[in-house]
Amino acid sequence: MRPLGTVLMIGGLVLGVGVGVAIIAGPQFFSLPWMISVGLAKLTLLASGALMGAGAICHRLAAREEQKRLQ
């Protein structure tokens, strides 16, 4: 479970940094209205947080399982 959690957290980090850089740089890949662009950025940041949260849960479950084995 721990390697999966690490991959999920790194994926969330990469996604979040990518969105942050895209927001700062402000590229216009498609001619989308600004409201849709802002909505997509928010949804992507939410997905990034969800990936990191899922990775943290995987780490927590792995630690709990190790704790049970030691007792």
N, C-alpha and C. Protein backbone atom coordinates (compact mmCIF):
# COMPACT_ATOMS: atom_id res chain seq x y z
N MET A 1 0.81 -1.20 0.00
CA MET A 1 0.00 0.00 0.00
C MET A 1 0.86 1.26 0.00
N ARG A 2 2.00 1.18 0.64
CA ARG A 2 2.84 2.37 0.74
C ARG A 2 3.34 2.86 -0.62
N PRO A 3 3.80 1.96 -1.53
CA PRO A 3 4.23 2.46 -2.84
C PRO A 3 3.09 3.11 -3.64
N LEU A 4 1.90 2.55 -3.53
CA LEU A 4 0.75 3.15 -4.20
C LEU A 4 0.47 4.54 -3.65
N GLY A 5 0.55 4.68 -2.33
CA GLY A 5 0.34 5.99 -1.71
C GLY A 5 1.36 7.01 -2.16
N THR A 6 2.60 6.56 -2.28
CA THR A 6 3.65 7.46 -2.74
C THR A 6 3.40 7.92 -4.17
N VAL A 7 3.02 6.99 -5.02
CA VAL A 7 2.73 7.34 -6.42
C VAL A 7 1.55 8.31 -6.50
N LEU A 8 0.52 8.08 -5.70
CA LEU A 8 -0.64 8.97 -5.71
C LEU A 8 -0.27 10.38 -5.23
N MET A 9 0.53 10.45 -4.17
CA MET A 9 0.91 11.77 -3.67
C MET A 9 1.81 12.52 -4.66
N ILE A 10 2.73 11.80 -5.29
CA ILE A 10 3.59 12.45 -6.29
C ILE A 10 2.76 12.90 -7.49
N GLY A 11 1.80 12.06 -7.90
CA GLY A 11 0.92 12.45 -9.00
C GLY A 11 0.11 13.70 -8.68
N GLY A 12 -0.40 13.78 -7.45
CA GLY A 12 -1.13 14.97 -7.02
C GLY A 12 -0.24 16.20 -6.98
N LEU A 13 1.00 16.02 -6.54
CA LEU A 13 1.94 17.13 -6.50
C LEU A 13 2.24 17.64 -7.90
N VAL A 14 2.51 16.72 -8.82
CA VAL A 14 2.82 17.11 -10.20
C VAL A 14 1.63 17.81 -10.84
N LEU A 15 0.45 17.29 -10.62
CA LEU A 15 -0.75 17.90 -11.18
C LEU A 15 -0.98 19.30 -10.60
N GLY A 16 -0.82 19.44 -9.30
CA GLY A 16 -1.01 20.74 -8.66
C GLY A 16 0.02 21.77 -9.10
N VAL A 17 1.27 21.35 -9.20
CA VAL A 17 2.32 22.27 -9.65
C VAL A 17 2.08 22.67 -11.11
N GLY A 18 1.67 21.69 -11.91
CA GLY A 18 1.38 21.99 -13.31
C GLY A 18 0.27 23.01 -13.47
N VAL A 19 -0.78 22.86 -12.69
CA VAL A 19 -1.89 23.82 -12.75
C VAL A 19 -1.44 25.19 -12.24
N GLY A 20 -0.65 25.19 -11.17
CA GLY A 20 -0.14 26.46 -10.65
C GLY A 20 0.71 27.20 -11.66
N VAL A 21 1.57 26.48 -12.32
CA VAL A 21 2.42 27.09 -13.36
C VAL A 21 1.56 27.59 -14.52
N ALA A 22 0.56 26.81 -14.90
CA ALA A 22 -0.32 27.23 -15.99
C ALA A 22 -1.12 28.48 -15.61
N ILE A 23 -1.52 28.57 -14.34
CA ILE A 23 -2.26 29.75 -13.90
C ILE A 23 -1.36 30.98 -13.94
N ILE A 24 -0.12 30.81 -13.46
CA ILE A 24 0.81 31.95 -13.45
C ILE A 24 1.20 32.36 -14.86
N ALA A 25 1.51 31.38 -15.72
CA ALA A 25 1.94 31.69 -17.08
C ALA A 25 0.78 32.20 -17.93
N GLY A 26 -0.41 31.70 -17.66
CA GLY A 26 -1.59 32.15 -18.37
C GLY A 26 -1.62 31.79 -19.84
N PRO A 27 -1.25 30.56 -20.21
CA PRO A 27 -1.31 30.22 -21.64
C PRO A 27 -2.75 30.06 -22.12
N GLN A 28 -2.99 30.41 -23.34
CA GLN A 28 -4.31 30.27 -23.94
C GLN A 28 -4.25 29.14 -24.97
N PHE A 29 -4.37 27.89 -24.47
CA PHE A 29 -4.31 26.75 -25.38
C PHE A 29 -5.55 26.68 -26.25
N PHE A 30 -6.68 26.93 -25.65
CA PHE A 30 -7.95 26.90 -26.37
C PHE A 30 -8.62 28.25 -26.15
N SER A 31 -9.50 28.58 -27.02
CA SER A 31 -10.20 29.85 -26.85
C SER A 31 -11.44 29.63 -26.00
N LEU A 32 -11.21 29.25 -24.73
CA LEU A 32 -12.31 29.03 -23.80
C LEU A 32 -12.66 30.33 -23.09
N PRO A 33 -13.90 30.52 -22.74
CA PRO A 33 -14.25 31.69 -21.93
C PRO A 33 -13.54 31.61 -20.57
N TRP A 34 -13.27 32.76 -19.98
CA TRP A 34 -12.50 32.80 -18.74
C TRP A 34 -13.19 32.06 -17.61
N MET A 35 -14.53 32.07 -17.58
CA MET A 35 -15.25 31.41 -16.50
C MET A 35 -15.04 29.89 -16.57
N ILE A 36 -15.03 29.34 -17.76
CA ILE A 36 -14.80 27.91 -17.91
C ILE A 36 -13.35 27.57 -17.55
N SER A 37 -12.42 28.43 -17.94
CA SER A 37 -11.01 28.20 -17.60
C SER A 37 -10.79 28.19 -16.09
N VAL A 38 -11.42 29.13 -15.40
CA VAL A 38 -11.29 29.19 -13.95
C VAL A 38 -11.92 27.95 -13.32
N GLY A 39 -13.06 27.53 -13.81
CA GLY A 39 -13.71 26.33 -13.30
C GLY A 39 -12.85 25.09 -13.51
N LEU A 40 -12.25 24.97 -14.68
CA LEU A 40 -11.37 23.83 -14.94
C LEU A 40 -10.15 23.84 -14.04
N ALA A 41 -9.59 25.02 -13.81
CA ALA A 41 -8.44 25.12 -12.92
C ALA A 41 -8.82 24.71 -11.49
N LYS A 42 -9.97 25.15 -11.03
CA LYS A 42 -10.42 24.78 -9.68
C LYS A 42 -10.67 23.28 -9.57
N LEU A 43 -11.32 22.71 -10.58
CA LEU A 43 -11.57 21.26 -10.55
C LEU A 43 -10.27 20.47 -10.58
N THR A 44 -9.30 20.94 -11.34
CA THR A 44 -8.01 20.25 -11.42
C THR A 44 -7.27 20.35 -10.09
N LEU A 45 -7.32 21.51 -9.45
CA LEU A 45 -6.69 21.63 -8.14
C LEU A 45 -7.40 20.76 -7.10
N LEU A 46 -8.70 20.64 -7.20
CA LEU A 46 -9.45 19.76 -6.32
C LEU A 46 -9.04 18.30 -6.54
N ALA A 47 -8.88 17.92 -7.80
CA ALA A 47 -8.42 16.56 -8.12
C ALA A 47 -7.01 16.31 -7.59
N SER A 48 -6.17 17.31 -7.66
CA SER A 48 -4.82 17.20 -7.13
C SER A 48 -4.85 16.95 -5.62
N GLY A 49 -5.67 17.70 -4.92
CA GLY A 49 -5.82 17.49 -3.49
C GLY A 49 -6.39 16.12 -3.16
N ALA A 50 -7.33 15.66 -3.99
CA ALA A 50 -7.91 14.34 -3.76
C ALA A 50 -6.87 13.24 -3.96
N LEU A 51 -6.01 13.39 -4.96
CA LEU A 51 -4.94 12.41 -5.17
C LEU A 51 -3.98 12.37 -3.97
N MET A 52 -3.61 13.55 -3.49
CA MET A 52 -2.70 13.59 -2.35
C MET A 52 -3.37 13.03 -1.10
N GLY A 53 -4.65 13.30 -0.93
CA GLY A 53 -5.39 12.75 0.21
C GLY A 53 -5.49 11.24 0.14
N ALA A 54 -5.75 10.72 -1.05
CA ALA A 54 -5.83 9.26 -1.21
C ALA A 54 -4.47 8.62 -0.93
N GLY A 55 -3.40 9.27 -1.36
CA GLY A 55 -2.07 8.76 -1.07
C GLY A 55 -1.77 8.76 0.42
N ALA A 56 -2.20 9.80 1.11
CA ALA A 56 -1.99 9.87 2.55
C ALA A 56 -2.79 8.78 3.27
N ILE A 57 -3.99 8.51 2.78
CA ILE A 57 -4.80 7.44 3.37
C ILE A 57 -4.12 6.10 3.17
N CYS A 58 -3.56 5.87 1.99
CA CYS A 58 -2.84 4.61 1.74
C CYS A 58 -1.65 4.47 2.68
N HIS A 59 -0.91 5.56 2.90
CA HIS A 59 0.21 5.52 3.84
C HIS A 59 -0.28 5.22 5.25
N ARG A 60 -1.38 5.84 5.62
CA ARG A 60 -1.93 5.63 6.97
C ARG A 60 -2.38 4.18 7.16
N LEU A 61 -3.02 3.61 6.15
CA LEU A 61 -3.44 2.22 6.24
C LEU A 61 -2.25 1.27 6.32
N ALA A 62 -1.21 1.58 5.57
CA ALA A 62 0.00 0.75 5.62
C ALA A 62 0.66 0.82 7.00
N ALA A 63 0.70 2.00 7.58
CA ALA A 63 1.28 2.16 8.91
C ALA A 63 0.44 1.43 9.96
N ARG A 64 -0.86 1.49 9.82
CA ARG A 64 -1.75 0.80 10.75
C ARG A 64 -1.56 -0.72 10.65
N GLU A 65 -1.41 -1.21 9.42
CA GLU A 65 -1.19 -2.64 9.22
C GLU A 65 0.15 -3.08 9.82
N GLU A 66 1.19 -2.27 9.65
CA GLU A 66 2.49 -2.59 10.25
C GLU A 66 2.40 -2.59 11.77
N GLN A 67 1.64 -1.65 12.31
CA GLN A 67 1.47 -1.56 13.76
C GLN A 67 0.80 -2.82 14.30
N LYS A 68 -0.20 -3.32 13.58
CA LYS A 68 -0.90 -4.54 14.02
C LYS A 68 0.04 -5.76 13.96
N ARG A 69 0.91 -5.80 12.96
CA ARG A 69 1.85 -6.92 12.85
C ARG A 69 2.86 -6.94 13.98
N LEU A 70 3.24 -5.75 14.45
CA LEU A 70 4.23 -5.67 15.51
C LEU A 70 3.67 -6.05 16.88
N GLN A 71 2.38 -5.96 17.05
CA GLN A 71 1.77 -6.28 18.36
C GLN A 71 1.49 -7.73 18.52
